[in-house]
């Protein structure tokens, strides 16, 4: 662990029109390790498709559990062929 943020409810300062407060919090906490190829593991509260894409673009690998019906997830996710 290299950084920590105490949860104080929704951090609207970390939100923007295109990201959620939890997405903004993750980006804030990872700003010091961008480009280093670190691996970030998270639970489904933080797992958003757009965030994984943002982390990848910052050269941070992300892994986490997801909910197939979460906003932004492909409709075919979790369906069997």
N, C-alpha and C. Protein backbone atom coordinates (compact mmCIF):
# COMPACT_ATOMS: atom_id res chain seq x y z
N UNK A 1 0.85 -1.16 0.00
CA UNK A 1 0.00 0.00 0.00
C UNK A 1 0.90 1.23 0.00
N UNK A 2 0.57 2.21 -0.83
CA UNK A 2 1.38 3.42 -0.88
C UNK A 2 0.56 4.68 -0.61
N UNK A 3 -0.77 4.57 -0.68
CA UNK A 3 -1.63 5.74 -0.48
C UNK A 3 -2.96 5.27 0.07
N UNK A 4 -3.68 6.18 0.73
CA UNK A 4 -4.97 5.84 1.30
C UNK A 4 -5.85 7.08 1.28
N UNK A 5 -7.14 6.85 1.16
CA UNK A 5 -8.12 7.94 1.25
C UNK A 5 -9.25 7.44 2.14
N UNK A 6 -9.60 8.21 3.13
CA UNK A 6 -10.69 7.85 4.03
C UNK A 6 -12.01 8.14 3.33
N UNK A 7 -12.91 7.15 3.34
CA UNK A 7 -14.21 7.32 2.69
C UNK A 7 -15.08 8.25 3.53
N UNK A 8 -15.53 9.33 2.92
CA UNK A 8 -16.36 10.32 3.60
C UNK A 8 -17.69 10.51 2.87
N UNK A 9 -18.17 9.47 2.25
CA UNK A 9 -19.37 9.58 1.42
C UNK A 9 -18.94 9.92 0.01
N UNK A 10 -19.90 10.16 -0.85
CA UNK A 10 -19.56 10.45 -2.24
C UNK A 10 -18.68 11.69 -2.32
N UNK A 11 -17.56 11.54 -2.94
CA UNK A 11 -16.61 12.63 -3.11
C UNK A 11 -16.92 13.33 -4.43
N UNK A 12 -17.83 14.25 -4.43
CA UNK A 12 -18.24 14.91 -5.66
C UNK A 12 -17.11 15.72 -6.30
N UNK A 13 -16.11 16.06 -5.50
CA UNK A 13 -14.96 16.77 -6.06
C UNK A 13 -14.17 15.88 -7.01
N UNK A 14 -14.27 14.56 -6.83
CA UNK A 14 -13.57 13.63 -7.69
C UNK A 14 -14.38 13.27 -8.93
N UNK A 15 -15.61 13.74 -9.01
CA UNK A 15 -16.47 13.40 -10.14
C UNK A 15 -16.37 14.47 -11.22
N UNK A 16 -16.70 14.07 -12.40
CA UNK A 16 -16.79 14.98 -13.55
C UNK A 16 -17.99 14.52 -14.37
N UNK A 17 -18.27 15.23 -15.42
CA UNK A 17 -19.44 14.87 -16.23
C UNK A 17 -19.31 13.49 -16.85
N UNK A 18 -18.09 13.01 -17.06
CA UNK A 18 -17.91 11.72 -17.72
C UNK A 18 -17.37 10.62 -16.81
N UNK A 19 -17.17 10.91 -15.51
CA UNK A 19 -16.70 9.86 -14.60
C UNK A 19 -17.48 9.93 -13.29
N UNK A 20 -17.56 8.78 -12.62
CA UNK A 20 -18.25 8.70 -11.34
C UNK A 20 -17.30 9.11 -10.21
N UNK A 21 -17.85 9.41 -9.02
CA UNK A 21 -16.97 9.73 -7.90
C UNK A 21 -15.98 8.61 -7.56
N UNK A 22 -16.42 7.34 -7.63
CA UNK A 22 -15.49 6.24 -7.33
C UNK A 22 -14.40 6.14 -8.39
N UNK A 23 -14.74 6.36 -9.64
CA UNK A 23 -13.76 6.37 -10.73
C UNK A 23 -12.73 7.48 -10.49
N UNK A 24 -13.20 8.66 -10.13
CA UNK A 24 -12.31 9.78 -9.85
C UNK A 24 -11.39 9.51 -8.67
N UNK A 25 -11.91 8.83 -7.65
CA UNK A 25 -11.09 8.49 -6.49
C UNK A 25 -9.96 7.55 -6.88
N UNK A 26 -10.27 6.53 -7.69
CA UNK A 26 -9.24 5.60 -8.13
C UNK A 26 -8.18 6.33 -8.95
N UNK A 27 -8.60 7.19 -9.86
CA UNK A 27 -7.63 7.94 -10.67
C UNK A 27 -6.77 8.85 -9.80
N UNK A 28 -7.37 9.44 -8.76
CA UNK A 28 -6.61 10.29 -7.85
C UNK A 28 -5.57 9.47 -7.08
N UNK A 29 -5.97 8.30 -6.60
CA UNK A 29 -5.06 7.47 -5.80
C UNK A 29 -3.95 6.84 -6.64
N UNK A 30 -4.15 6.71 -7.94
CA UNK A 30 -3.14 6.07 -8.79
C UNK A 30 -2.28 7.06 -9.56
N UNK A 31 -2.47 8.33 -9.36
CA UNK A 31 -1.76 9.34 -10.16
C UNK A 31 -0.24 9.26 -10.02
N UNK A 32 0.24 8.79 -8.87
CA UNK A 32 1.69 8.72 -8.64
C UNK A 32 2.35 7.50 -9.28
N UNK A 33 1.56 6.52 -9.71
CA UNK A 33 2.14 5.30 -10.27
C UNK A 33 1.81 5.13 -11.76
N UNK A 34 1.28 6.15 -12.39
CA UNK A 34 0.96 6.07 -13.82
C UNK A 34 2.23 5.79 -14.61
N UNK A 35 2.09 4.90 -15.60
CA UNK A 35 3.20 4.61 -16.49
C UNK A 35 4.18 3.58 -15.97
N UNK A 36 3.97 3.08 -14.75
CA UNK A 36 4.91 2.13 -14.16
C UNK A 36 4.51 0.67 -14.35
N UNK A 37 3.33 0.40 -14.94
CA UNK A 37 2.91 -0.98 -15.17
C UNK A 37 2.43 -1.71 -13.92
N UNK A 38 2.01 -0.97 -12.90
CA UNK A 38 1.51 -1.61 -11.68
C UNK A 38 0.21 -2.34 -11.95
N UNK A 39 -0.15 -3.23 -11.04
CA UNK A 39 -1.40 -3.98 -11.12
C UNK A 39 -2.31 -3.52 -9.99
N UNK A 40 -3.55 -3.22 -10.34
CA UNK A 40 -4.52 -2.74 -9.35
C UNK A 40 -5.68 -3.73 -9.29
N UNK A 41 -5.96 -4.25 -8.10
CA UNK A 41 -7.05 -5.19 -7.89
C UNK A 41 -8.14 -4.50 -7.10
N UNK A 42 -9.40 -4.75 -7.48
CA UNK A 42 -10.52 -4.07 -6.83
C UNK A 42 -11.75 -4.94 -6.81
N UNK A 43 -12.72 -4.57 -5.98
CA UNK A 43 -13.98 -5.29 -5.96
C UNK A 43 -14.96 -4.62 -6.93
N UNK A 44 -16.17 -5.16 -7.00
CA UNK A 44 -17.11 -4.67 -8.01
C UNK A 44 -17.63 -3.25 -7.75
N UNK A 45 -17.44 -2.70 -6.57
CA UNK A 45 -17.85 -1.32 -6.32
C UNK A 45 -17.07 -0.36 -7.21
N UNK A 46 -15.82 -0.63 -7.44
CA UNK A 46 -14.96 0.24 -8.22
C UNK A 46 -14.80 -0.20 -9.67
N UNK A 47 -15.21 -1.41 -10.01
CA UNK A 47 -14.98 -1.96 -11.35
C UNK A 47 -15.95 -1.39 -12.38
N UNK A 48 -15.44 -0.52 -13.21
CA UNK A 48 -16.21 0.07 -14.31
C UNK A 48 -15.40 -0.10 -15.59
N UNK A 49 -16.07 -0.42 -16.67
CA UNK A 49 -15.39 -0.63 -17.93
C UNK A 49 -14.58 0.59 -18.35
N UNK A 50 -15.15 1.78 -18.22
CA UNK A 50 -14.44 3.01 -18.59
C UNK A 50 -13.21 3.21 -17.72
N UNK A 51 -13.30 2.84 -16.44
CA UNK A 51 -12.15 3.03 -15.57
C UNK A 51 -11.02 2.08 -15.95
N UNK A 52 -11.34 0.82 -16.27
CA UNK A 52 -10.31 -0.11 -16.71
C UNK A 52 -9.61 0.42 -17.96
N UNK A 53 -10.38 1.03 -18.85
CA UNK A 53 -9.80 1.62 -20.06
C UNK A 53 -8.89 2.80 -19.70
N UNK A 54 -9.33 3.65 -18.79
CA UNK A 54 -8.51 4.79 -18.35
C UNK A 54 -7.22 4.31 -17.68
N UNK A 55 -7.32 3.29 -16.84
CA UNK A 55 -6.13 2.75 -16.19
C UNK A 55 -5.16 2.18 -17.22
N UNK A 56 -5.70 1.44 -18.19
CA UNK A 56 -4.86 0.86 -19.25
C UNK A 56 -4.12 1.96 -20.02
N UNK A 57 -4.83 3.04 -20.32
CA UNK A 57 -4.20 4.16 -21.03
C UNK A 57 -3.12 4.83 -20.20
N UNK A 58 -3.18 4.68 -18.88
CA UNK A 58 -2.16 5.24 -17.99
C UNK A 58 -1.09 4.20 -17.63
N UNK A 59 -1.12 3.06 -18.37
CA UNK A 59 -0.17 1.97 -18.16
C UNK A 59 -0.26 1.38 -16.75
N UNK A 60 -1.51 1.22 -16.28
CA UNK A 60 -1.80 0.54 -15.02
C UNK A 60 -2.74 -0.61 -15.37
N UNK A 61 -2.36 -1.83 -14.98
CA UNK A 61 -3.21 -2.99 -15.23
C UNK A 61 -4.27 -3.09 -14.15
N UNK A 62 -5.50 -3.34 -14.55
CA UNK A 62 -6.59 -3.43 -13.60
C UNK A 62 -7.26 -4.79 -13.64
N UNK A 63 -7.67 -5.28 -12.48
CA UNK A 63 -8.36 -6.55 -12.37
C UNK A 63 -9.40 -6.41 -11.27
N UNK A 64 -10.62 -6.85 -11.57
CA UNK A 64 -11.65 -6.75 -10.55
C UNK A 64 -12.88 -7.55 -10.89
N UNK A 65 -13.68 -7.80 -9.88
CA UNK A 65 -14.96 -8.46 -10.11
C UNK A 65 -15.92 -7.45 -10.71
N UNK A 66 -16.87 -7.93 -11.50
CA UNK A 66 -17.82 -7.03 -12.14
C UNK A 66 -19.24 -7.56 -11.99
N UNK A 67 -20.19 -6.69 -12.13
CA UNK A 67 -21.60 -7.06 -12.22
C UNK A 67 -21.99 -6.92 -13.68
N UNK A 68 -22.50 -8.00 -14.27
CA UNK A 68 -22.79 -7.97 -15.71
C UNK A 68 -23.86 -6.95 -16.07
N UNK A 69 -24.70 -6.54 -15.12
CA UNK A 69 -25.76 -5.58 -15.42
C UNK A 69 -25.41 -4.14 -15.02
N UNK A 70 -24.15 -3.89 -14.72
CA UNK A 70 -23.71 -2.55 -14.34
C UNK A 70 -23.68 -1.63 -15.55
N UNK A 71 -23.96 -0.38 -15.34
CA UNK A 71 -23.98 0.60 -16.43
C UNK A 71 -22.67 0.59 -17.19
N UNK A 72 -22.75 0.57 -18.52
CA UNK A 72 -21.57 0.61 -19.36
C UNK A 72 -21.01 -0.74 -19.74
N UNK A 73 -21.55 -1.82 -19.15
CA UNK A 73 -21.07 -3.15 -19.49
C UNK A 73 -21.78 -3.63 -20.76
N UNK A 74 -21.09 -4.38 -21.62
CA UNK A 74 -21.72 -4.90 -22.83
C UNK A 74 -22.91 -5.79 -22.49
N UNK A 75 -23.97 -5.69 -23.26
CA UNK A 75 -25.17 -6.49 -22.99
C UNK A 75 -24.90 -7.99 -23.11
N UNK A 76 -23.93 -8.37 -23.92
CA UNK A 76 -23.65 -9.79 -24.12
C UNK A 76 -22.77 -10.38 -23.04
N UNK A 77 -22.28 -9.57 -22.12
CA UNK A 77 -21.41 -10.06 -21.07
C UNK A 77 -22.18 -11.04 -20.17
N UNK A 78 -21.60 -12.19 -19.96
CA UNK A 78 -22.21 -13.18 -19.10
C UNK A 78 -23.21 -14.09 -19.78
N UNK A 79 -23.52 -13.84 -21.04
CA UNK A 79 -24.45 -14.70 -21.76
C UNK A 79 -23.69 -15.89 -22.33
N UNK A 80 -24.30 -17.01 -22.30
CA UNK A 80 -23.69 -18.22 -22.86
C UNK A 80 -24.06 -18.31 -24.33
N UNK A 81 -23.13 -18.82 -25.13
CA UNK A 81 -23.41 -18.93 -26.59
C UNK A 81 -24.51 -19.92 -26.90
